[in-house]
Protein backbone atom coordinates (compact mmCIF):
# COMPACT_ATOMS: atom_id res chain seq x y z
CA UNK A 1 -16.58 5.68 14.54
CA UNK A 2 -15.58 3.95 17.74
CA UNK A 3 -18.72 5.33 19.40
CA UNK A 4 -20.82 3.84 16.64
CA UNK A 5 -19.17 0.46 17.20
CA UNK A 6 -19.91 0.67 20.91
CA UNK A 7 -23.55 1.58 20.27
CA UNK A 8 -23.91 -1.25 17.81
CA UNK A 9 -22.50 -3.79 20.23
CA UNK A 10 -25.05 -2.68 22.83
CA UNK A 11 -27.93 -3.82 20.59
CA UNK A 12 -28.83 -7.32 21.69
CA UNK A 13 -31.80 -7.92 19.40
CA UNK A 14 -32.74 -6.82 15.92
CA UNK A 15 -35.42 -7.66 13.39
CA UNK A 16 -33.19 -8.20 10.38
CA UNK A 17 -29.62 -8.10 9.22
CA UNK A 18 -28.89 -4.96 7.17
CA UNK A 19 -27.88 -5.42 3.56
CA UNK A 20 -24.65 -3.78 2.48
CA UNK A 21 -26.57 -2.42 -0.49
CA UNK A 22 -29.24 -0.68 1.60
CA UNK A 23 -29.23 3.07 1.18
CA UNK A 24 -30.20 3.59 4.83
CA UNK A 25 -29.33 0.39 6.67
CA UNK A 26 -29.90 0.01 10.38
CA UNK A 27 -26.85 1.27 12.30
CA UNK A 28 -25.85 -2.22 13.44
CA UNK A 29 -23.07 -4.65 12.70
CA UNK A 30 -22.98 -7.76 10.55
CA UNK A 31 -20.53 -10.57 11.38
CA UNK A 32 -17.92 -10.72 8.65
CA UNK A 33 -18.58 -14.42 8.18
CA UNK A 34 -22.07 -13.60 6.87
CA UNK A 35 -21.07 -11.32 4.01
CA UNK A 36 -18.91 -13.61 1.85
CA UNK A 37 -15.77 -12.26 0.23
CA UNK A 38 -14.33 -9.29 2.10
CA UNK A 39 -11.97 -6.72 0.61
CA UNK A 40 -10.10 -4.63 3.12
CA UNK A 41 -9.23 -1.02 2.28
CA UNK A 42 -7.67 1.76 4.32
CA UNK A 43 -9.44 5.09 4.25
CA UNK A 44 -8.50 8.44 5.74
CA UNK A 45 -11.48 10.12 7.34
CA UNK A 46 -11.88 13.10 9.65
CA UNK A 47 -11.22 10.96 12.71
CA UNK A 48 -8.05 9.39 11.35
CA UNK A 49 -7.25 6.23 9.40
CA UNK A 50 -9.60 3.26 9.44
CA UNK A 51 -9.75 -0.14 7.76
CA UNK A 52 -13.00 -0.72 5.91
CA UNK A 53 -14.68 -3.69 4.30
CA UNK A 54 -15.49 -2.93 0.66
CA UNK A 55 -18.54 -4.60 -0.86
CA UNK A 56 -19.17 -5.53 -4.50
CA UNK A 57 -20.43 -2.01 -5.20
CA UNK A 58 -17.27 -0.37 -3.91
CA UNK A 59 -18.91 0.91 -0.73
CA UNK A 60 -16.74 0.96 2.37
CA UNK A 61 -17.99 0.20 5.88
CA UNK A 62 -16.09 0.30 9.13
CA UNK A 63 -14.66 -2.92 10.57
CA UNK A 64 -14.68 -3.48 14.33
CA UNK A 65 -13.58 -6.23 16.70
CA UNK A 66 -16.73 -7.69 18.25
CA UNK A 67 -15.14 -8.46 21.61
CA UNK A 68 -13.79 -4.97 22.20
CA UNK A 69 -15.75 -2.70 19.87
CA UNK A 70 -12.46 -1.17 18.77
CA UNK A 71 -12.40 -0.05 15.12
CA UNK A 72 -9.56 -1.41 13.01
CA UNK A 73 -7.06 1.24 11.91
CA UNK A 74 -4.32 -0.96 10.41
CA UNK A 75 -4.42 -4.18 8.41
CA UNK A 76 -1.78 -5.61 10.73
CA UNK A 77 -4.41 -5.77 13.47
CA UNK A 78 -6.40 -8.20 11.34
CA UNK A 79 -3.32 -10.13 10.22
CA UNK A 80 -2.05 -10.46 13.78
CA UNK A 81 -5.45 -11.72 14.93
CA UNK A 82 -4.70 -14.87 12.97
CA UNK A 83 -7.02 -17.34 11.21
CA UNK A 84 -9.77 -16.71 13.76
CA UNK A 85 -9.96 -13.00 12.90
CA UNK A 86 -13.12 -13.42 10.82
CA UNK A 87 -14.99 -14.65 13.89
CA UNK A 88 -14.02 -11.51 15.82
CA UNK A 89 -14.77 -8.93 13.12
CA UNK A 90 -18.03 -7.22 12.27
CA UNK A 91 -18.94 -4.77 9.55
CA UNK A 92 -20.78 -1.56 10.35
CA UNK A 93 -24.04 -0.76 8.57
CA UNK A 94 -23.24 2.84 7.69
CA UNK A 95 -21.33 3.63 4.51
CA UNK A 96 -18.50 6.12 4.98
CA UNK A 97 -16.58 8.13 2.41
CA UNK A 98 -12.94 9.14 2.74
CA UNK A 99 -9.65 9.32 0.89
CA UNK A 100 -8.41 5.91 -0.20
CA UNK A 101 -4.97 4.92 1.08
CA UNK A 102 -2.78 1.96 0.19
CA UNK A 103 -4.34 -1.07 1.91
CA UNK A 104 -1.15 -1.85 3.77
CA UNK A 105 2.31 -0.38 4.36
CA UNK A 106 4.80 -3.10 5.31
CA UNK A 107 7.28 -2.49 8.11
CA UNK A 108 10.17 -3.57 5.88
CA UNK A 109 11.03 -3.27 2.20
CA UNK A 110 8.84 -5.02 -0.34
CA UNK A 111 10.53 -8.16 -1.68
CA UNK A 112 10.28 -8.28 -5.48
CA UNK A 113 10.93 -11.05 -7.98
CA UNK A 114 12.30 -10.16 -11.41
CA UNK A 115 12.11 -12.04 -14.72
CA UNK A 116 9.47 -14.41 -13.35
CA UNK A 117 7.45 -14.88 -16.56
CA UNK A 118 9.36 -16.48 -19.44
CA UNK A 119 8.11 -14.13 -22.18
CA UNK A 120 8.94 -11.08 -20.08
CA UNK A 121 12.40 -12.51 -19.40
CA UNK A 122 12.84 -12.76 -23.17
CA UNK A 123 11.67 -9.20 -23.89
CA UNK A 124 13.85 -7.86 -21.10
CA UNK A 125 16.90 -9.68 -22.48
CA UNK A 126 16.25 -8.24 -25.94
CA UNK A 127 15.71 -4.69 -24.67
CA UNK A 128 19.34 -3.95 -23.87
CA UNK A 129 18.40 -2.78 -20.37
CA UNK A 130 19.20 -6.04 -18.57
CA UNK A 131 22.57 -5.60 -16.90
CA UNK A 132 22.17 -8.91 -15.05
CA UNK A 133 21.87 -11.29 -18.01
CA UNK A 134 24.01 -14.41 -18.11
CA UNK A 135 27.13 -14.44 -20.32
CA UNK A 136 25.71 -17.24 -22.49
CA UNK A 137 22.58 -15.23 -23.24
CA UNK A 138 20.20 -17.42 -21.27
CA UNK A 139 17.20 -15.34 -20.23
CA UNK A 140 15.49 -17.95 -18.03
CA UNK A 141 16.75 -17.64 -14.44
CA UNK A 142 17.77 -20.82 -12.60
CA UNK A 143 16.79 -19.27 -9.27
CA UNK A 144 14.42 -16.43 -8.30
CA UNK A 145 15.89 -13.00 -9.04
CA UNK A 146 15.12 -10.96 -5.93
CA UNK A 147 15.43 -7.23 -5.23
CA UNK A 148 13.54 -4.84 -2.93
CA UNK A 149 11.61 -1.59 -3.02
CA UNK A 150 11.39 0.66 0.08
CA UNK A 151 8.09 0.78 1.90
CA UNK A 152 8.28 4.57 1.64
CA UNK A 153 7.65 4.27 -2.12
CA UNK A 154 4.15 2.82 -1.57
CA UNK A 155 1.23 4.97 -2.71
CA UNK A 156 -2.49 4.31 -3.11
CA UNK A 157 -4.70 3.74 -6.10
CA UNK A 158 -5.67 7.20 -7.31
CA UNK A 159 -2.42 8.80 -6.20
CA UNK A 160 -0.08 10.46 -8.68
CA UNK A 161 3.17 8.77 -9.72
CA UNK A 162 6.03 11.26 -9.78
CA UNK A 163 7.84 10.73 -13.14
CA UNK A 164 11.11 12.18 -11.78
CA UNK A 165 11.85 13.69 -15.18
CA UNK A 166 14.96 15.36 -13.79
CA UNK A 167 16.74 12.00 -13.46
CA UNK A 168 14.97 9.57 -15.81
CA UNK A 169 13.53 9.59 -19.32
CA UNK A 170 12.59 5.90 -19.48
CA UNK A 171 9.62 5.42 -17.14
CA UNK A 172 7.92 2.02 -17.37
CA UNK A 173 5.04 0.06 -15.84
CA UNK A 174 5.05 -3.46 -14.37
CA UNK A 175 1.71 -4.87 -13.22
CA UNK A 176 2.09 -7.57 -10.56
CA UNK A 177 0.32 -9.62 -7.91
CA UNK A 178 1.40 -8.79 -4.37
CA UNK A 179 1.50 -11.45 -1.63
CA UNK A 180 0.88 -10.43 1.99
CA UNK A 181 2.49 -12.67 4.61
CA UNK A 182 0.24 -13.74 7.48
CA UNK A 183 2.52 -15.87 9.69
CA UNK A 184 6.22 -15.65 10.43
CA UNK A 185 8.07 -17.81 7.92
CA UNK A 186 11.58 -19.09 8.62
CA UNK A 187 13.06 -22.00 6.68
CA UNK A 188 9.64 -23.22 5.55
CA UNK A 189 9.31 -25.86 2.86
CA UNK A 190 7.44 -25.35 -0.38
CA UNK A 191 4.68 -27.63 0.91
CA UNK A 192 4.22 -25.45 4.00
CA UNK A 193 4.71 -22.09 2.33
CA UNK A 194 1.11 -21.26 1.43
CA UNK A 195 0.06 -21.67 5.06
CA UNK A 196 2.01 -18.48 5.71
CA UNK A 197 0.09 -16.34 3.18
CA UNK A 198 -2.57 -13.99 4.54
CA UNK A 199 -3.77 -12.55 1.25
CA UNK A 200 -3.12 -10.66 -1.96
CA UNK A 201 -3.19 -7.20 -3.51
CA UNK A 202 -2.13 -5.49 -6.75
CA UNK A 203 1.19 -3.72 -7.28
CA UNK A 204 2.63 -1.58 -10.06
CA UNK A 205 6.41 -1.97 -9.93
CA UNK A 206 7.11 1.39 -11.59
CA UNK A 207 10.64 1.42 -13.01
CA UNK A 208 13.12 3.95 -14.37
CA UNK A 209 14.74 1.72 -17.02
CA UNK A 210 17.77 3.92 -17.62
CA UNK A 211 18.60 3.98 -13.90
CA UNK A 212 17.98 0.25 -13.67
CA UNK A 213 20.50 -0.32 -16.48
CA UNK A 214 23.11 2.22 -15.48
CA UNK A 215 23.33 1.19 -11.83
CA UNK A 216 23.50 -2.54 -12.69
CA UNK A 217 21.60 -3.54 -9.58
CA UNK A 218 17.94 -2.61 -9.73
CA UNK A 219 17.26 -0.90 -6.40
CA UNK A 220 17.62 2.73 -7.48
CA UNK A 221 15.73 2.31 -10.74
CA UNK A 222 12.77 0.80 -8.94
CA UNK A 223 12.76 2.63 -5.62
CA UNK A 224 12.16 6.31 -6.37
CA UNK A 225 9.43 8.06 -4.39
CA UNK A 226 5.90 6.98 -5.47
CA UNK A 227 7.26 4.01 -7.48
CA UNK A 228 5.14 1.37 -5.70
CA UNK A 229 1.41 1.92 -6.23
CA UNK A 230 -0.50 -0.72 -4.23
CA UNK A 231 -4.19 -1.54 -3.89
CA UNK A 232 -6.95 -0.66 -4.18
CA UNK A 233 -7.61 -3.21 -1.43
CA UNK A 234 -6.30 -6.44 0.08
CA UNK A 235 -8.15 -9.75 -0.08
CA UNK A 236 -7.68 -12.84 2.09
CA UNK A 237 -5.99 -15.83 0.48
CA UNK A 238 -9.06 -18.06 0.58
CA UNK A 239 -10.86 -15.71 -1.84
CA UNK A 240 -8.21 -15.86 -4.59
CA UNK A 241 -7.00 -18.80 -6.71
CA UNK A 242 -3.41 -17.66 -6.98
CA UNK A 243 -2.58 -20.58 -9.28
CA UNK A 244 -5.08 -19.44 -11.91
CA UNK A 245 -5.50 -15.67 -11.77
CA UNK A 246 -5.68 -13.37 -14.79
CA UNK A 247 -3.49 -10.27 -14.53
CA UNK A 248 -3.85 -7.32 -16.91
CA UNK A 249 -2.30 -3.87 -17.33
CA UNK A 250 -3.70 -1.07 -19.48
CA UNK A 251 -2.10 2.25 -20.37
CA UNK A 252 -4.56 4.91 -21.51
CA UNK A 253 -7.03 2.10 -22.22
CA UNK A 254 -4.60 0.08 -24.36
CA UNK A 255 -4.12 -3.49 -23.14
CA UNK A 256 -0.38 -3.91 -22.61
CA UNK A 257 -0.12 -6.93 -20.31
CA UNK A 258 -2.43 -9.95 -20.20
CA UNK A 259 -1.33 -13.16 -18.50
CA UNK A 260 -2.23 -15.81 -15.96
CA UNK A 261 -0.35 -16.61 -12.77
CA UNK A 262 -0.15 -20.21 -13.95
CA UNK A 263 2.64 -18.92 -16.20
CA UNK A 264 4.92 -17.90 -13.32
CA UNK A 265 8.37 -19.49 -13.53
CA UNK A 266 8.61 -19.57 -9.74
CA UNK A 267 5.24 -19.81 -8.03
CA UNK A 268 4.37 -18.18 -4.71
CA UNK A 269 5.28 -21.26 -2.67
CA UNK A 270 8.71 -21.49 -4.28
CA UNK A 271 9.35 -17.78 -3.72
CA UNK A 272 8.48 -18.05 -0.02
CA UNK A 273 10.61 -21.18 0.37
CA UNK A 274 13.56 -19.42 -1.28
CA UNK A 275 13.31 -16.21 0.73
CA UNK A 276 12.61 -17.84 4.09
CA UNK A 277 15.58 -20.17 3.77
CA UNK A 278 17.73 -17.40 5.26
CA UNK A 279 15.48 -14.35 5.66
CA UNK A 280 12.66 -14.50 8.18
CA UNK A 281 9.43 -13.23 6.63
CA UNK A 282 7.34 -11.36 9.18
CA UNK A 283 3.54 -10.99 9.28
CA UNK A 284 2.55 -8.07 7.10
CA UNK A 285 5.51 -8.50 4.79
CA UNK A 286 4.81 -8.01 1.08
CA UNK A 287 6.21 -9.86 -1.94
CA UNK A 288 5.73 -8.64 -5.53
CA UNK A 289 5.71 -11.80 -7.64
CA UNK A 290 6.94 -10.44 -10.98
CA UNK A 291 5.54 -8.87 -14.14
CA UNK A 292 4.53 -10.51 -17.44
CA UNK A 293 5.37 -9.63 -21.03
CA UNK A 294 4.12 -6.28 -22.31
CA UNK A 295 6.19 -3.66 -20.51
CA UNK A 296 7.16 -0.49 -22.34
CA UNK A 297 10.70 -1.57 -23.25
CA UNK A 298 9.29 -4.65 -24.97
CA UNK A 299 8.00 -2.51 -27.85
CA UNK A 300 10.01 -1.20 -30.81
CA UNK A 301 10.33 1.70 -30.31
CA UNK A 302 9.80 1.55 -26.53
CA UNK A 303 6.54 2.92 -25.13
CA UNK A 304 7.64 4.86 -22.08
CA UNK A 305 5.18 6.45 -19.69
CA UNK A 306 4.80 10.21 -19.89
CA UNK A 307 3.03 12.86 -17.85
CA UNK A 308 -0.73 12.44 -18.06
CA UNK A 309 -0.72 8.71 -18.82
CA UNK A 310 -3.14 6.51 -16.89
CA UNK A 311 -2.00 3.03 -15.82
CA UNK A 312 -4.56 0.45 -14.65
CA UNK A 313 -3.49 -2.91 -13.21
CA UNK A 314 -6.36 -5.35 -12.64
CA UNK A 315 -7.18 -8.90 -11.59
CA UNK A 316 -10.50 -10.60 -10.75
CA UNK A 317 -11.28 -10.16 -7.07
CA UNK A 318 -8.44 -7.70 -6.54
CA UNK A 319 -10.02 -4.75 -8.32
CA UNK A 320 -8.28 -2.06 -10.37
CA UNK A 321 -5.14 -0.23 -9.28
CA UNK A 322 -5.31 3.08 -11.13
CA UNK A 323 -2.68 5.83 -11.18
CA UNK A 324 -1.87 8.89 -13.27
CA UNK A 325 1.70 9.82 -14.13
CA UNK A 326 2.64 13.19 -12.52
CA UNK A 327 3.61 15.87 -12.17
CA UNK A 328 3.60 15.15 -8.45
CA UNK A 329 3.05 18.12 -6.16
CA UNK A 330 4.53 18.66 -2.74
CA UNK A 331 7.54 16.36 -3.10
CA UNK A 332 9.46 18.58 -0.66
CA UNK A 333 6.46 18.72 1.72
CA UNK A 334 6.54 22.53 1.79
CA UNK A 335 3.18 24.22 2.24
CA UNK A 336 2.46 27.94 1.87
CA UNK A 337 1.22 29.70 4.99
CA UNK A 338 0.61 33.47 5.10
CA UNK A 339 3.60 34.34 2.95
CA UNK A 340 5.89 31.72 4.47
CA UNK A 341 6.68 28.12 3.55
CA UNK A 342 6.30 25.43 6.19
CA UNK A 343 7.87 21.97 6.09
CA UNK A 344 5.09 19.64 7.27
CA UNK A 345 5.48 16.07 8.45
CA UNK A 346 2.53 14.19 9.90
CA UNK A 347 2.63 10.96 11.88
CA UNK A 348 0.21 9.05 14.08
CA UNK A 349 -3.54 9.45 14.35
CA UNK A 350 -6.05 11.43 16.33
CA UNK A 351 -6.51 15.14 16.89
CA UNK A 352 -3.88 17.34 15.20
CA UNK A 353 -1.12 18.89 17.30
CA UNK A 354 1.19 21.46 15.72
CA UNK A 355 4.80 21.62 16.88
CA UNK A 356 6.89 24.63 15.85
CA UNK A 357 10.61 23.85 15.80
CA UNK A 358 13.73 25.96 15.68
CA UNK A 359 12.24 29.15 17.08
CA UNK A 360 13.83 29.23 20.51
CA UNK A 361 12.76 28.00 23.92
CA UNK A 362 9.04 28.47 24.63
CA UNK A 363 7.78 30.33 27.69
CA UNK A 364 6.67 27.73 30.27
CA UNK A 365 3.15 29.14 30.40
CA UNK A 366 2.56 28.35 26.71
CA UNK A 367 3.19 24.60 26.94
CA UNK A 368 0.19 22.30 27.12
CA UNK A 369 0.21 18.51 27.17
CA UNK A 370 -2.14 16.90 24.58
CA UNK A 371 -4.02 13.60 24.92
CA UNK A 372 -1.85 10.47 24.52
CA UNK A 373 -0.65 9.58 21.01
CA UNK A 374 -2.15 12.39 18.98
CA UNK A 375 -1.65 13.06 15.32
CA UNK A 376 1.58 15.05 15.17
CA UNK A 377 2.14 17.74 12.56
CA UNK A 378 5.67 19.10 12.60
CA UNK A 379 6.43 22.50 11.13
CA UNK A 380 9.78 24.17 10.58
CA UNK A 381 9.95 27.78 9.51
CA UNK A 382 11.84 30.97 10.24
CA UNK A 383 8.58 32.91 10.21
CA UNK A 384 5.32 31.27 11.18
CA UNK A 385 1.97 33.03 11.78
CA UNK A 386 1.16 30.51 14.53
CA UNK A 387 3.98 31.93 16.64
CA UNK A 388 3.76 35.57 15.70
CA UNK A 389 2.42 36.59 19.09
CA UNK A 390 4.87 34.49 21.07
CA UNK A 391 8.08 33.74 19.17
CA UNK A 392 9.47 30.37 20.13
CA UNK A 393 6.10 28.97 21.21
CA UNK A 394 5.51 25.24 20.90
CA UNK A 395 1.80 24.47 20.80
CA UNK A 396 1.61 22.07 22.56
CA UNK A 397 4.57 19.97 23.70
CA UNK A 398 5.01 16.45 22.37
CA UNK A 399 3.95 13.69 24.80
CA UNK A 400 6.62 11.43 26.20
CA UNK A 401 7.61 8.80 23.74
CA UNK A 402 6.02 10.49 20.71
CA UNK A 403 8.02 11.30 17.62
CA UNK A 404 8.54 14.89 16.57
C-alpha cells in the first residue's frame, strides 16, 4: 500500500480525476477536499491495519499523507494532524477489501453519560434496576451521570458480542452517539467545547442489567469483554449536525429506539464542559452521550438479548453498527496447533514474528533479529510443533523496546 502511495505521488500530470465509483479507476490519488463527506474506517489487510476513506457505496480506499506518501494506519494520525489534515490527505484510486475493525480505539476508557434522555430516565427508574435513583424518586438528573467502559471492550461492527451467560441473564442494548475529541480540553467553557470535537461515531453500550443493579455502580455491568461495539466508521464533526440527528436501534428488525439528539438532557457541549472541569480530555478520547427510551428493560416483560439476536444502531451519515449476540469464540485466546493449544497474543503491525515462551533458553545460533517494530505473535505452550526440532527455541528474538 505504501508503495502504491509513493507511485501515485510520482505522477505529476493526469488527464482526469478518478471517480470513487469507477470499477477500474486510474491508480492515482484524489485530494480529500475534492470528494465531499469522508468516512474513515479501519481495515485489517494482509499488510497490516490501514485507515480507509469509505464512499457512499461502502467502498474503502487507502488514505495517505500527500507530503510524505505514508499510508494512515491509525485515526489518531489524522486527529493529531489537526484542522489542516484534509489538505494533507489524499484518497487512493484502488478499492481494497479487508476485515473491518472499530474505527478507533481510545487510549483511555470511554466516558459514558447515563440517563441523558428524559423518557429513558423514566423507563430506567420504573424498571427496578436503577440503584442510583434519588430518594425522592426524581428520575431527571441535575448533573450528568458519568461512568466509563474500558477501551478493551471495544469491538467492530460485524463482530460477535459475547453474552457472558455464565454471569448474566439480563443482556440489554443501548444505541448511542459517540463523540471523538480532537483537541486537548481542560477547563473549557460550554461556548468553547465544540471546538474540541473532532467527529462522531456510533456506539452500542451493551449492558448486563443484573450486574449493573447488583453492584450499584455501573462499571462491571457495562464493561464486560465485547460490550462496546463501535463503528462502522468515524465522521468529522463538520459533516454531522449533532443538534438534530436521528438515532435508531433495531433488534432482529424490530424498531426499539427512535429519537433525536435534540432531546438530550445534557448536550455535547455541556458534557465536555462538565468532564473537562477537572479531567483533561485528550485527543482521541471518546464520549458516549447516552441512550434513548426503548431499551429491553423498558418493556413488560423485559426484552433481553439472547444468542442469535441481531442489533443494529444507525444514524444518518454515521452508517449502521451491526452485531450478533454470541456465542463468542476464542475468549481465552487459545488456538489448536497439531494436538496442542497455544495462547496467542498479537500486537503491533508488519510481518509476523512468533515468540515461543517458557521453553528454556534458546541456543545462540537460533536467534535472529527481525526488522524494527514487527507484528508480534506470542505463544505459550508446553508442547509446540514450532520448537520440536530445537526445544527452547525463540524464533526470532524480540527487538529492543518491543513488547512480548
